[in-house]
N, C-alpha and C. Protein backbone atom coordinates (compact mmCIF):
# COMPACT_ATOMS: atom_id res chain seq x y z
N MET A 1 1.17 -1.02 0.18
CA MET A 1 0.18 0.24 -0.22
C MET A 1 0.84 1.55 0.17
N GLY A 2 2.20 1.19 0.77
CA GLY A 2 3.12 2.47 0.69
C GLY A 2 3.00 3.30 1.48
N ILE A 3 2.07 2.85 2.56
CA ILE A 3 1.72 3.77 4.06
C ILE A 3 2.03 3.33 4.98
N ARG A 4 2.64 4.24 5.97
CA ARG A 4 3.26 3.61 6.96
C ARG A 4 2.95 4.54 8.22
N GLY A 5 2.09 3.70 9.44
CA GLY A 5 2.01 4.73 10.39
C GLY A 5 1.07 5.71 9.75
N GLY A 6 -0.10 5.48 8.24
CA GLY A 6 -0.89 6.65 8.07
C GLY A 6 -0.14 7.40 7.34
N LEU A 7 1.41 7.62 7.01
CA LEU A 7 1.83 8.27 5.99
C LEU A 7 2.49 7.80 4.48
N PRO A 8 2.46 8.77 3.42
CA PRO A 8 3.06 7.50 2.37
C PRO A 8 4.32 7.37 2.33
N ARG A 9 4.74 6.01 2.15
CA ARG A 9 6.30 6.10 1.46
C ARG A 9 6.61 6.74 0.29
N ALA A 10 8.69 7.57 0.71
CA ALA A 10 8.93 8.19 -0.47
C ALA A 10 8.61 7.43 -1.61
N ASP A 11 9.05 6.01 -1.72
CA ASP A 11 9.19 5.26 -3.09
C ASP A 11 7.80 5.08 -3.04
N VAL A 12 6.56 5.51 -3.08
CA VAL A 12 5.38 4.89 -3.24
C VAL A 12 4.74 6.41 -3.25
N LEU A 13 5.65 7.57 -3.78
CA LEU A 13 4.49 8.57 -3.61
C LEU A 13 3.64 8.92 -4.71
N PRO A 14 2.75 9.32 -4.98
CA PRO A 14 1.45 9.86 -6.23
C PRO A 14 2.50 10.64 -7.17
N SER A 15 2.20 10.12 -8.31
CA SER A 15 3.18 11.25 -9.47
C SER A 15 1.84 12.43 -9.84
N HIS A 16 2.40 13.56 -10.06
CA HIS A 16 1.91 14.95 -10.25
C HIS A 16 2.32 15.35 -11.60
N ASP A 17 1.92 16.12 -12.43
CA ASP A 17 2.62 16.86 -13.29
C ASP A 17 2.64 17.88 -12.96
N PRO A 18 3.62 18.74 -12.62
CA PRO A 18 3.86 19.59 -12.18
C PRO A 18 3.53 21.26 -13.36
N VAL A 19 3.18 20.92 -14.06
CA VAL A 19 2.79 21.74 -15.86
C VAL A 19 1.36 21.65 -15.33
N ASP A 20 0.93 20.46 -15.27
CA ASP A 20 -1.20 20.59 -15.47
C ASP A 20 -1.09 20.72 -14.07
N LEU A 21 -0.61 20.46 -12.76
CA LEU A 21 -0.99 21.33 -11.59
C LEU A 21 -1.12 22.54 -11.47
N LEU A 22 0.16 23.45 -12.15
CA LEU A 22 0.31 25.07 -12.12
C LEU A 22 -0.68 25.65 -13.05
N ALA A 23 -1.11 24.85 -14.57
CA ALA A 23 -2.32 24.93 -15.58
C ALA A 23 -3.49 25.36 -14.87
N LEU A 24 -3.68 24.58 -14.09
CA LEU A 24 -5.17 24.16 -13.29
C LEU A 24 -5.48 25.08 -12.49
N TRP A 25 -4.10 25.07 -11.55
CA TRP A 25 -4.41 26.17 -10.47
C TRP A 25 -4.50 27.55 -10.90
N TRP A 26 -4.22 28.05 -11.97
CA TRP A 26 -3.94 28.94 -12.50
C TRP A 26 -5.40 29.51 -12.91
N THR A 27 -6.27 28.14 -13.66
CA THR A 27 -7.08 28.08 -14.23
C THR A 27 -8.67 28.73 -13.29
N THR A 28 -8.40 28.13 -12.38
CA THR A 28 -9.10 27.80 -11.35
C THR A 28 -9.08 29.55 -10.51
N TYR A 29 -7.86 30.29 -9.88
CA TYR A 29 -7.80 31.13 -9.51
C TYR A 29 -7.93 32.59 -10.33
N THR A 30 -7.78 32.47 -11.53
CA THR A 30 -8.02 33.18 -12.34
C THR A 30 -9.79 33.66 -13.00
N ALA A 31 -10.75 32.40 -12.37
CA ALA A 31 -11.85 32.53 -12.62
C ALA A 31 -12.30 33.64 -12.35
N VAL A 32 -13.55 34.11 -13.49
CA VAL A 32 -14.42 34.76 -13.39
C VAL A 32 -15.98 34.35 -12.45
N ASP A 33 -16.05 34.59 -11.14
CA ASP A 33 -16.69 34.95 -10.37
C ASP A 33 -18.07 35.33 -10.95
N GLU A 34 -19.22 34.34 -11.27
CA GLU A 34 -20.53 35.14 -11.99
C GLU A 34 -21.40 36.39 -10.69
N ASP A 35 -20.82 35.48 -9.26
CA ASP A 35 -21.60 35.91 -8.24
C ASP A 35 -21.17 37.50 -8.24
N ASP A 36 -19.66 38.31 -8.70
CA ASP A 36 -18.93 39.15 -8.19
C ASP A 36 -19.68 40.17 -9.28
N ASP A 37 -19.07 41.54 -9.25
CA ASP A 37 -19.95 42.47 -10.08
C ASP A 37 -18.54 42.78 -11.00
N MET A 38 -18.84 43.12 -12.17
CA MET A 38 -17.42 43.65 -13.04
C MET A 38 -16.50 43.93 -12.15
N LEU A 39 -16.75 44.98 -11.33
CA LEU A 39 -15.62 45.62 -10.97
C LEU A 39 -14.66 44.89 -10.32
N ASP A 40 -14.89 44.18 -9.14
CA ASP A 40 -14.30 42.80 -8.64
C ASP A 40 -13.40 42.09 -9.88
N ASP A 41 -14.40 41.38 -10.97
CA ASP A 41 -13.83 40.89 -11.79
C ASP A 41 -12.71 41.75 -12.62
N ASP A 42 -12.74 42.56 -12.80
CA ASP A 42 -11.56 43.67 -13.25
C ASP A 42 -10.44 44.42 -11.95
N ARG A 43 -10.99 43.85 -11.29
CA ARG A 43 -9.47 43.70 -10.02
C ARG A 43 -8.80 42.77 -9.79
N ARG A 44 -9.70 41.70 -9.87
CA ARG A 44 -9.02 40.07 -10.02
C ARG A 44 -8.35 40.08 -10.87
N LEU A 45 -8.07 40.49 -12.09
CA LEU A 45 -7.36 40.44 -13.66
C LEU A 45 -6.44 41.13 -13.22
N ALA A 46 -6.83 42.43 -12.93
CA ALA A 46 -5.99 43.41 -12.77
C ALA A 46 -4.45 42.60 -12.05
N VAL A 47 -4.89 41.72 -10.95
CA VAL A 47 -4.04 41.26 -9.96
C VAL A 47 -2.53 40.38 -11.28
N THR A 48 -3.32 39.94 -12.02
CA THR A 48 -2.66 39.01 -12.63
C THR A 48 -2.36 39.35 -14.65
N ALA A 49 -2.34 40.57 -14.40
CA ALA A 49 -1.81 41.26 -15.52
C ALA A 49 -0.15 41.25 -15.76
N PRO A 50 0.64 41.13 -16.60
CA PRO A 50 -0.14 41.00 -17.79
C PRO A 50 -0.84 39.83 -18.56
N PHE A 51 -0.64 38.94 -17.77
CA PHE A 51 -1.26 37.90 -18.30
C PHE A 51 -2.89 37.47 -18.30
N GLY A 52 -3.48 38.53 -17.47
CA GLY A 52 -5.16 37.92 -16.75
C GLY A 52 -5.19 36.80 -17.18
N GLN A 53 -6.07 35.93 -17.36
CA GLN A 53 -7.26 34.62 -17.59
C GLN A 53 -6.03 34.01 -17.97
N THR A 54 -5.02 33.81 -18.95
CA THR A 54 -3.97 33.11 -20.16
C THR A 54 -2.70 32.34 -18.99
N TRP A 55 -2.97 31.25 -19.11
CA TRP A 55 -1.86 30.72 -17.85
C TRP A 55 -0.50 31.00 -19.12
N PRO A 56 0.62 31.45 -18.88
CA PRO A 56 1.22 32.18 -19.27
C PRO A 56 2.97 30.43 -20.06
N GLY A 57 2.68 29.85 -19.32
CA GLY A 57 3.27 28.58 -19.48
C GLY A 57 4.58 28.95 -17.78
N LEU A 58 4.83 28.00 -18.39
CA LEU A 58 6.66 27.59 -17.05
C LEU A 58 7.59 28.81 -17.72
N ALA A 59 8.55 28.94 -16.41
CA ALA A 59 9.69 29.53 -16.90
C ALA A 59 10.42 28.89 -17.51
N SER A 60 11.46 29.38 -17.94
CA SER A 60 12.60 28.26 -18.53
C SER A 60 13.63 28.14 -17.52
N SER A 61 14.31 26.76 -17.59
CA SER A 61 15.37 26.81 -16.42
C SER A 61 16.65 27.23 -16.24
N ARG A 62 17.17 27.86 -15.59
CA ARG A 62 18.08 28.51 -15.17
C ARG A 62 19.35 27.65 -14.49
N GLU A 63 20.32 27.72 -15.38
CA GLU A 63 21.25 27.32 -14.98
C GLU A 63 22.33 27.61 -13.56
N THR A 64 22.55 26.90 -12.85
CA THR A 64 22.77 27.70 -11.04
C THR A 64 24.35 27.83 -11.32
N THR A 65 24.48 28.91 -10.79
CA THR A 65 26.32 29.15 -10.58
C THR A 65 26.33 28.93 -9.23
N THR A 66 25.42 29.10 -8.10
CA THR A 66 25.87 28.85 -7.05
C THR A 66 25.34 27.45 -6.71
N ASN A 67 26.27 26.70 -5.53
CA ASN A 67 25.76 25.41 -5.24
C ASN A 67 24.63 24.95 -4.44
N PRO A 68 23.70 24.60 -4.95
CA PRO A 68 21.82 24.38 -4.12
C PRO A 68 22.46 24.08 -2.57
N ASP A 69 23.27 22.99 -2.54
CA ASP A 69 23.13 22.20 -0.96
C ASP A 69 23.77 23.71 -0.45
N GLN A 70 24.50 24.08 -0.48
CA GLN A 70 25.39 25.47 0.04
C GLN A 70 24.49 26.45 0.68
N LEU A 71 24.03 26.78 -0.87
CA LEU A 71 22.77 27.85 -0.60
C LEU A 71 21.90 27.65 0.63
N ALA A 72 21.37 26.82 0.34
CA ALA A 72 20.11 25.93 1.64
C ALA A 72 20.52 25.73 3.53
N ALA A 73 21.99 25.23 3.22
CA ALA A 73 22.98 25.18 4.27
C ALA A 73 23.22 26.73 4.86
N GLU A 74 23.14 27.57 4.08
CA GLU A 74 23.60 29.04 4.65
C GLU A 74 22.32 29.43 5.08
N PHE A 75 21.40 29.62 4.23
CA PHE A 75 20.04 30.28 4.49
C PHE A 75 19.46 29.27 6.07
N ALA A 76 19.27 27.96 5.88
CA ALA A 76 19.23 27.82 7.05
C ALA A 76 19.62 27.82 8.67
N GLN A 77 21.03 28.11 8.10
CA GLN A 77 21.63 28.64 9.46
C GLN A 77 20.91 29.90 9.79
N ALA A 78 21.07 30.86 9.34
CA ALA A 78 20.12 32.07 9.05
C ALA A 78 18.68 31.93 10.12
N PHE A 79 18.11 31.34 8.70
CA PHE A 79 16.89 30.95 9.58
C PHE A 79 17.00 30.81 11.15
N LEU A 80 17.88 29.78 11.38
CA LEU A 80 17.70 29.73 12.91
C LEU A 80 18.17 29.92 13.66
N SER A 81 18.84 31.29 13.26
CA SER A 81 19.29 32.20 14.19
C SER A 81 18.58 33.12 14.44
N ASP A 82 17.52 33.37 13.39
CA ASP A 82 16.14 34.25 13.47
C ASP A 82 15.40 33.78 14.65
N ARG A 83 15.03 32.89 14.55
CA ARG A 83 13.88 31.83 15.18
C ARG A 83 14.62 30.85 15.98
N ARG A 84 14.48 31.41 17.13
CA ARG A 84 15.43 30.47 17.94
C ARG A 84 14.57 29.27 18.08
N GLN A 85 13.23 29.02 18.41
CA GLN A 85 12.04 28.47 18.34
C GLN A 85 12.22 27.19 17.25
N THR A 86 12.24 26.99 16.04
CA THR A 86 12.24 26.47 15.16
C THR A 86 13.19 24.86 15.71
N ARG A 87 12.72 23.98 15.57
CA ARG A 87 13.03 22.58 15.74
C ARG A 87 13.43 21.77 14.39
N LEU A 88 14.51 21.05 14.43
CA LEU A 88 14.77 19.92 13.34
C LEU A 88 14.10 19.22 13.12
N GLY A 89 13.75 18.63 11.93
CA GLY A 89 13.02 17.17 11.62
C GLY A 89 13.73 16.74 11.12
N LEU A 90 13.67 15.84 10.74
CA LEU A 90 14.52 14.63 9.71
C LEU A 90 13.23 13.71 9.71
N VAL A 91 13.15 13.59 7.67
CA VAL A 91 12.26 13.00 7.52
C VAL A 91 12.99 11.84 5.92
N ALA A 92 12.80 10.77 6.39
CA ALA A 92 13.22 9.68 5.32
C ALA A 92 12.94 10.17 3.98
N ALA A 93 13.24 10.52 2.95
CA ALA A 93 13.11 11.41 1.64
C ALA A 93 13.93 11.50 0.85
N ALA A 94 13.98 11.55 -0.35
CA ALA A 94 15.34 11.93 -0.92
C ALA A 94 15.26 13.28 -1.48
N SER A 95 14.31 13.70 -0.90
CA SER A 95 14.15 15.69 -1.50
C SER A 95 13.61 16.33 -0.61
N GLY A 96 13.56 17.35 -0.24
CA GLY A 96 12.82 18.11 0.68
C GLY A 96 11.37 18.28 0.17
N ALA A 97 11.37 18.11 -1.52
CA ALA A 97 9.83 18.20 -1.84
C ALA A 97 8.76 16.74 -1.75
N GLU A 98 9.89 15.36 -1.59
CA GLU A 98 9.25 14.20 -1.17
C GLU A 98 9.31 14.51 0.15
N ALA A 99 10.12 15.47 0.89
CA ALA A 99 9.36 15.24 2.53
C ALA A 99 8.31 16.09 2.67
N LEU A 100 7.97 16.48 2.35
CA LEU A 100 6.59 17.90 2.66
C LEU A 100 5.60 16.59 2.56
N THR A 101 5.82 15.69 1.97
CA THR A 101 4.67 14.62 1.20
C THR A 101 4.59 13.47 2.52
N VAL A 102 6.26 13.16 2.76
CA VAL A 102 6.35 11.92 3.42
C VAL A 102 5.48 12.10 4.51
N ALA A 103 5.99 13.74 5.40
CA ALA A 103 6.21 14.12 7.02
C ALA A 103 4.45 14.11 7.11
N GLY A 104 3.76 14.42 5.54
CA GLY A 104 2.19 14.64 6.15
C GLY A 104 2.48 16.53 6.10
N TRP A 105 3.04 17.24 5.54
CA TRP A 105 2.75 18.71 5.86
C TRP A 105 1.36 19.22 5.33
N PRO A 106 0.79 19.86 5.88
CA PRO A 106 -0.64 20.81 6.31
C PRO A 106 -1.00 21.90 5.42
N GLY A 107 0.49 22.26 5.04
CA GLY A 107 0.57 23.78 4.87
C GLY A 107 -0.46 24.14 3.92
N PRO A 108 -1.04 23.65 2.70
CA PRO A 108 -2.00 24.46 2.29
C PRO A 108 -3.40 23.70 2.27
N CYS A 109 -3.67 23.35 2.72
CA CYS A 109 -4.45 22.14 3.10
C CYS A 109 -5.85 22.75 2.86
N ASN A 110 -6.06 24.03 2.82
CA ASN A 110 -7.12 24.83 2.76
C ASN A 110 -7.65 25.42 1.24
N TYR A 111 -6.44 24.75 0.45
CA TYR A 111 -6.57 24.66 -1.67
C TYR A 111 -6.76 23.59 -1.78
N ASP A 112 -5.49 22.40 -1.10
CA ASP A 112 -5.40 21.00 -1.47
C ASP A 112 -5.23 20.16 -0.44
N ASN A 113 -5.91 19.18 0.10
CA ASN A 113 -5.35 18.12 0.94
C ASN A 113 -4.02 17.30 0.24
N ASP A 114 -4.36 17.15 -0.95
CA ASP A 114 -3.15 16.40 -1.62
C ASP A 114 -1.65 17.05 -1.50
N THR A 115 -0.62 16.51 -0.41
CA THR A 115 0.67 17.59 -0.64
C THR A 115 1.25 16.76 -1.73
N ALA A 116 1.37 15.94 -1.97
CA ALA A 116 1.96 15.40 -3.17
C ALA A 116 1.85 16.35 -4.10
N LYS A 117 0.89 17.00 -4.49
CA LYS A 117 0.52 18.13 -5.76
C LYS A 117 1.74 19.25 -5.54
N PHE A 118 1.88 20.01 -4.02
CA PHE A 118 2.70 20.38 -3.97
C PHE A 118 3.83 19.96 -4.37
N SER A 119 4.32 18.67 -3.70
CA SER A 119 5.95 18.40 -3.52
C SER A 119 6.21 18.28 -5.13
N ALA A 120 5.29 18.21 -5.72
CA ALA A 120 5.65 17.54 -7.48
C ALA A 120 6.27 19.02 -7.93
N VAL A 121 5.09 20.07 -7.62
CA VAL A 121 6.05 21.30 -7.83
C VAL A 121 7.30 21.66 -7.73
N VAL A 122 7.27 21.80 -6.50
CA VAL A 122 8.81 21.81 -5.48
C VAL A 122 10.29 20.97 -6.08
N ARG A 123 9.84 19.32 -6.34
CA ARG A 123 10.77 18.73 -6.72
C ARG A 123 11.02 19.30 -8.41
N ASP A 124 9.80 20.09 -9.11
CA ASP A 124 10.21 20.80 -10.52
C ASP A 124 11.15 21.78 -10.45
N TRP A 125 10.61 22.80 -9.03
CA TRP A 125 11.49 24.11 -8.66
C TRP A 125 13.18 23.53 -8.57
N GLU A 126 13.06 22.38 -7.37
CA GLU A 126 14.38 22.05 -7.16
C GLU A 126 15.08 21.68 -8.60
N HIS A 127 15.03 21.15 -9.66
CA HIS A 127 15.48 20.83 -10.88
C HIS A 127 16.07 22.24 -11.51
N ARG A 128 14.69 22.92 -11.91
CA ARG A 128 14.80 24.20 -13.04
C ARG A 128 15.27 25.31 -12.13
N PHE A 129 15.51 25.61 -10.94
CA PHE A 129 15.85 26.21 -10.29
C PHE A 129 16.78 26.33 -9.09
N GLY A 130 17.20 25.20 -8.77
CA GLY A 130 18.09 24.85 -7.65
C GLY A 130 17.54 24.97 -6.36
N ALA A 131 16.08 25.19 -6.28
CA ALA A 131 15.53 25.16 -4.96
C ALA A 131 15.91 24.12 -4.03
N ARG A 132 15.84 24.44 -2.62
CA ARG A 132 15.88 23.52 -1.72
C ARG A 132 14.95 24.06 -0.12
N VAL A 133 14.32 22.95 0.08
CA VAL A 133 13.40 22.83 0.78
C VAL A 133 14.33 23.52 2.45
N VAL A 134 13.83 24.46 3.44
CA VAL A 134 14.89 24.92 3.82
C VAL A 134 13.49 25.18 5.41
N ALA A 135 12.64 25.03 4.95
CA ALA A 135 12.05 25.27 6.71
C ALA A 135 10.21 25.49 6.74
N VAL A 136 9.51 24.92 6.88
CA VAL A 136 8.18 24.49 6.94
C VAL A 136 7.69 24.49 8.64
N GLY A 137 6.05 25.41 7.81
CA GLY A 137 5.78 25.83 9.12
C GLY A 137 4.11 25.13 9.27
N PHE A 138 3.39 25.51 9.93
CA PHE A 138 1.78 24.79 9.81
C PHE A 138 1.44 25.23 8.86
N SER A 139 1.61 26.20 8.03
CA SER A 139 1.17 26.98 6.97
C SER A 139 2.16 27.69 5.92
N THR A 140 3.37 27.68 6.38
CA THR A 140 4.28 28.04 5.49
C THR A 140 5.45 27.01 4.62
N LEU A 141 6.02 27.92 4.13
CA LEU A 141 7.21 27.01 3.27
C LEU A 141 8.13 27.68 3.00
N TYR A 142 9.23 27.65 3.46
CA TYR A 142 10.95 28.47 2.64
C TYR A 142 11.89 27.62 1.83
N LEU A 143 11.77 28.15 0.76
CA LEU A 143 13.26 27.88 -0.25
C LEU A 143 13.75 28.55 -0.25
N SER A 144 14.97 28.06 -0.57
CA SER A 144 16.51 28.23 -0.77
C SER A 144 16.42 28.44 -2.39
N VAL A 145 17.06 29.33 -3.10
CA VAL A 145 17.14 28.74 -4.76
C VAL A 145 18.57 29.81 -5.51
N ALA A 146 19.12 28.12 -5.76
CA ALA A 146 20.16 28.46 -6.23
C ALA A 146 20.09 29.73 -7.56
N ALA A 147 19.26 29.08 -8.64
CA ALA A 147 19.47 30.37 -9.61
C ALA A 147 18.17 31.12 -9.95
N PRO A 148 17.52 32.29 -9.18
CA PRO A 148 16.85 32.86 -9.44
C PRO A 148 16.39 33.37 -10.55
N PRO A 149 15.28 33.90 -10.89
CA PRO A 149 14.99 34.52 -12.13
C PRO A 149 16.00 36.22 -12.22
N VAL A 150 16.40 36.83 -13.38
CA VAL A 150 17.06 37.88 -12.85
C VAL A 150 16.83 38.94 -13.89
N ASP A 151 15.84 38.41 -14.93
CA ASP A 151 15.25 39.35 -15.64
C ASP A 151 13.87 39.50 -15.26
N GLU A 152 13.05 40.84 -15.29
CA GLU A 152 12.04 41.25 -15.54
C GLU A 152 10.79 39.68 -16.43
N HIS A 153 11.08 40.24 -18.00
CA HIS A 153 10.36 38.52 -18.25
C HIS A 153 10.31 37.30 -17.15
N GLU A 154 11.51 37.08 -17.02
CA GLU A 154 11.55 35.63 -16.74
C GLU A 154 11.12 35.79 -15.05
N ALA A 155 10.79 36.85 -14.27
CA ALA A 155 10.23 37.03 -13.36
C ALA A 155 8.79 37.31 -13.48
N LEU A 156 8.34 37.89 -14.39
CA LEU A 156 7.03 37.24 -14.38
C LEU A 156 6.27 36.03 -14.70
N LEU A 157 7.30 35.16 -15.23
CA LEU A 157 7.21 33.90 -15.77
C LEU A 157 6.70 33.32 -13.69
N VAL A 158 8.15 33.05 -13.12
CA VAL A 158 8.13 32.96 -12.23
C VAL A 158 6.89 33.44 -11.04
N ALA A 159 6.54 34.25 -11.10
CA ALA A 159 5.36 34.83 -10.52
C ALA A 159 4.37 34.09 -10.64
N ALA A 160 4.11 34.22 -11.91
CA ALA A 160 2.62 33.32 -12.30
C ALA A 160 2.42 32.29 -11.26
N GLU A 161 4.01 30.94 -11.53
CA GLU A 161 3.91 29.95 -10.99
C GLU A 161 3.89 29.94 -9.63
N HIS A 162 4.07 31.17 -9.06
CA HIS A 162 4.01 31.48 -7.22
C HIS A 162 2.42 31.82 -7.36
N PHE A 163 2.04 32.25 -7.82
CA PHE A 163 0.50 33.17 -7.60
C PHE A 163 -0.19 31.50 -7.68
N ALA A 164 -0.19 30.67 -9.00
CA ALA A 164 -0.83 29.46 -9.10
C ALA A 164 -0.59 28.48 -7.80
N PHE A 165 0.67 28.52 -7.22
CA PHE A 165 0.91 27.80 -6.82
C PHE A 165 0.35 27.85 -5.00
N CYS A 166 0.75 29.44 -4.82
CA CYS A 166 0.23 29.94 -3.56
C CYS A 166 -0.53 31.53 -3.86
N PRO A 167 -1.83 31.49 -4.35
CA PRO A 167 -1.86 32.53 -4.54
C PRO A 167 -2.57 33.56 -3.26
N ASP A 168 -1.88 32.90 -1.87
CA ASP A 168 -2.37 34.27 -0.93
C ASP A 168 -0.69 35.17 -0.99
N ASN A 169 0.28 34.23 -1.30
CA ASN A 169 1.22 35.53 -1.38
C ASN A 169 1.15 36.71 -2.37
N ILE A 170 0.17 36.18 -3.51
CA ILE A 170 -0.15 37.69 -3.66
C ILE A 170 -1.30 38.68 -3.04
N TRP A 171 -1.81 37.76 -3.23
CA TRP A 171 -3.51 38.19 -2.73
C TRP A 171 -3.57 39.21 -1.45
N GLN A 172 -2.55 38.16 -0.71
CA GLN A 172 -2.45 39.18 0.84
C GLN A 172 -1.05 39.13 1.35
N GLY A 173 -0.33 39.27 0.44
CA GLY A 173 1.19 40.19 0.57
C GLY A 173 1.26 41.34 0.74
N SER A 174 2.40 42.10 0.22
CA SER A 174 2.64 43.22 0.58
C SER A 174 1.84 44.23 -0.62
N ARG A 175 1.17 44.94 -0.42
CA ARG A 175 0.81 45.66 -1.36
C ARG A 175 1.48 46.60 -2.52
N PRO A 176 1.96 47.01 -3.56
CA PRO A 176 0.25 46.64 -4.05
C PRO A 176 -0.12 45.36 -4.35
N TYR A 177 -1.03 44.72 -5.03
CA TYR A 177 -1.39 42.72 -4.80
C TYR A 177 -1.04 42.64 -6.30
N THR A 178 -0.17 42.86 -7.06
CA THR A 178 -0.10 42.41 -8.15
C THR A 178 1.20 41.01 -8.80
N LEU A 179 1.26 40.70 -9.75
CA LEU A 179 2.27 40.06 -10.36
C LEU A 179 3.63 40.89 -10.34
N ALA A 180 2.93 42.28 -11.09
CA ALA A 180 4.48 43.13 -11.28
C ALA A 180 5.03 42.95 -10.03
N ALA A 181 4.31 43.53 -9.33
CA ALA A 181 4.96 44.28 -7.88
C ALA A 181 5.46 42.82 -7.24
N TYR A 182 5.26 41.24 -7.60
CA TYR A 182 5.72 40.40 -6.64
C TYR A 182 6.87 40.47 -7.58
N ALA A 183 6.99 40.25 -9.08
CA ALA A 183 7.88 39.77 -9.78
C ALA A 183 9.39 41.04 -9.02
N GLU A 184 9.00 41.70 -8.89
CA GLU A 184 10.23 42.64 -8.95
C GLU A 184 11.13 42.48 -7.23
N ARG A 185 9.90 41.92 -6.10
CA ARG A 185 10.22 41.34 -5.19
C ARG A 185 11.39 40.04 -5.16
N ILE A 186 11.09 39.35 -6.40
CA ILE A 186 11.86 38.05 -6.44
C ILE A 186 12.77 38.16 -7.92
N THR A 187 12.66 39.16 -8.34
CA THR A 187 13.71 39.09 -9.26
C THR A 187 15.24 38.82 -8.53
N GLY A 188 16.32 38.10 -9.00
CA GLY A 188 17.46 37.98 -7.70
C GLY A 188 17.30 37.57 -6.86
N ALA A 189 16.42 37.35 -6.09
CA ALA A 189 16.16 36.71 -4.51
C ALA A 189 16.44 35.74 -4.79
N HIS A 190 17.21 34.71 -3.50
CA HIS A 190 17.84 33.84 -3.05
C HIS A 190 16.66 33.16 -2.34
N ARG A 191 15.69 33.66 -1.96
CA ARG A 191 14.52 32.84 -1.16
C ARG A 191 13.07 33.12 -1.66
N TRP A 192 12.60 31.99 -1.62
CA TRP A 192 10.95 32.35 -1.85
C TRP A 192 10.51 31.70 -0.14
N ASP A 193 9.36 32.55 0.05
CA ASP A 193 8.65 32.22 1.07
C ASP A 193 7.43 32.21 0.42
N PHE A 194 6.58 31.09 1.55
CA PHE A 194 5.12 30.78 0.82
C PHE A 194 4.40 30.79 2.09
N TRP A 195 3.43 31.51 2.02
CA TRP A 195 2.01 31.15 2.98
C TRP A 195 0.81 31.27 2.81
N TRP A 196 -0.25 30.12 3.23
CA TRP A 196 -1.37 29.78 2.86
C TRP A 196 -2.25 30.08 3.92
N ASP A 197 -3.46 30.71 3.69
CA ASP A 197 -4.51 31.55 4.60
C ASP A 197 -5.03 30.29 5.01
């Protein structure tokens, strides 16, 4: 069955396509609500400009010039020094992405209870951007990123992926609530933080 103590084993995690997941989530979160008035719909679409309701696709892979594991270790050390209440957790998994599912992390449960879907996206980011899971909280996820986007176009595409993955980063983040503003914040940033309401 692949379940040990109620949690999935790393060697039998469900397989999800991150491209399909991000496109589906984008479509869901940019859908026009028939119950909203036109002004609400316009505001919603302004958040995801310049893409609106059209999924722009994935950002291209970036070659890492920084060692992803060394960067993650440095970020973890800084994270621990800022948050003395943080505790170490060990999970028998091949990567941080898989550890999210194996450990039964509940982070985005208000959006989807299948943590393996979020693990699939993080696993893809591990390959494309040298991302590493550094810390998790009840509804938070912290990644180090060895190869972040470096120009406006790349950053907008990555911001679109982040919106699909965790819309609360945009909807409830620092003002203004737009992909463009979020893209500015992640350009060249070696750290990605996510928070689900």
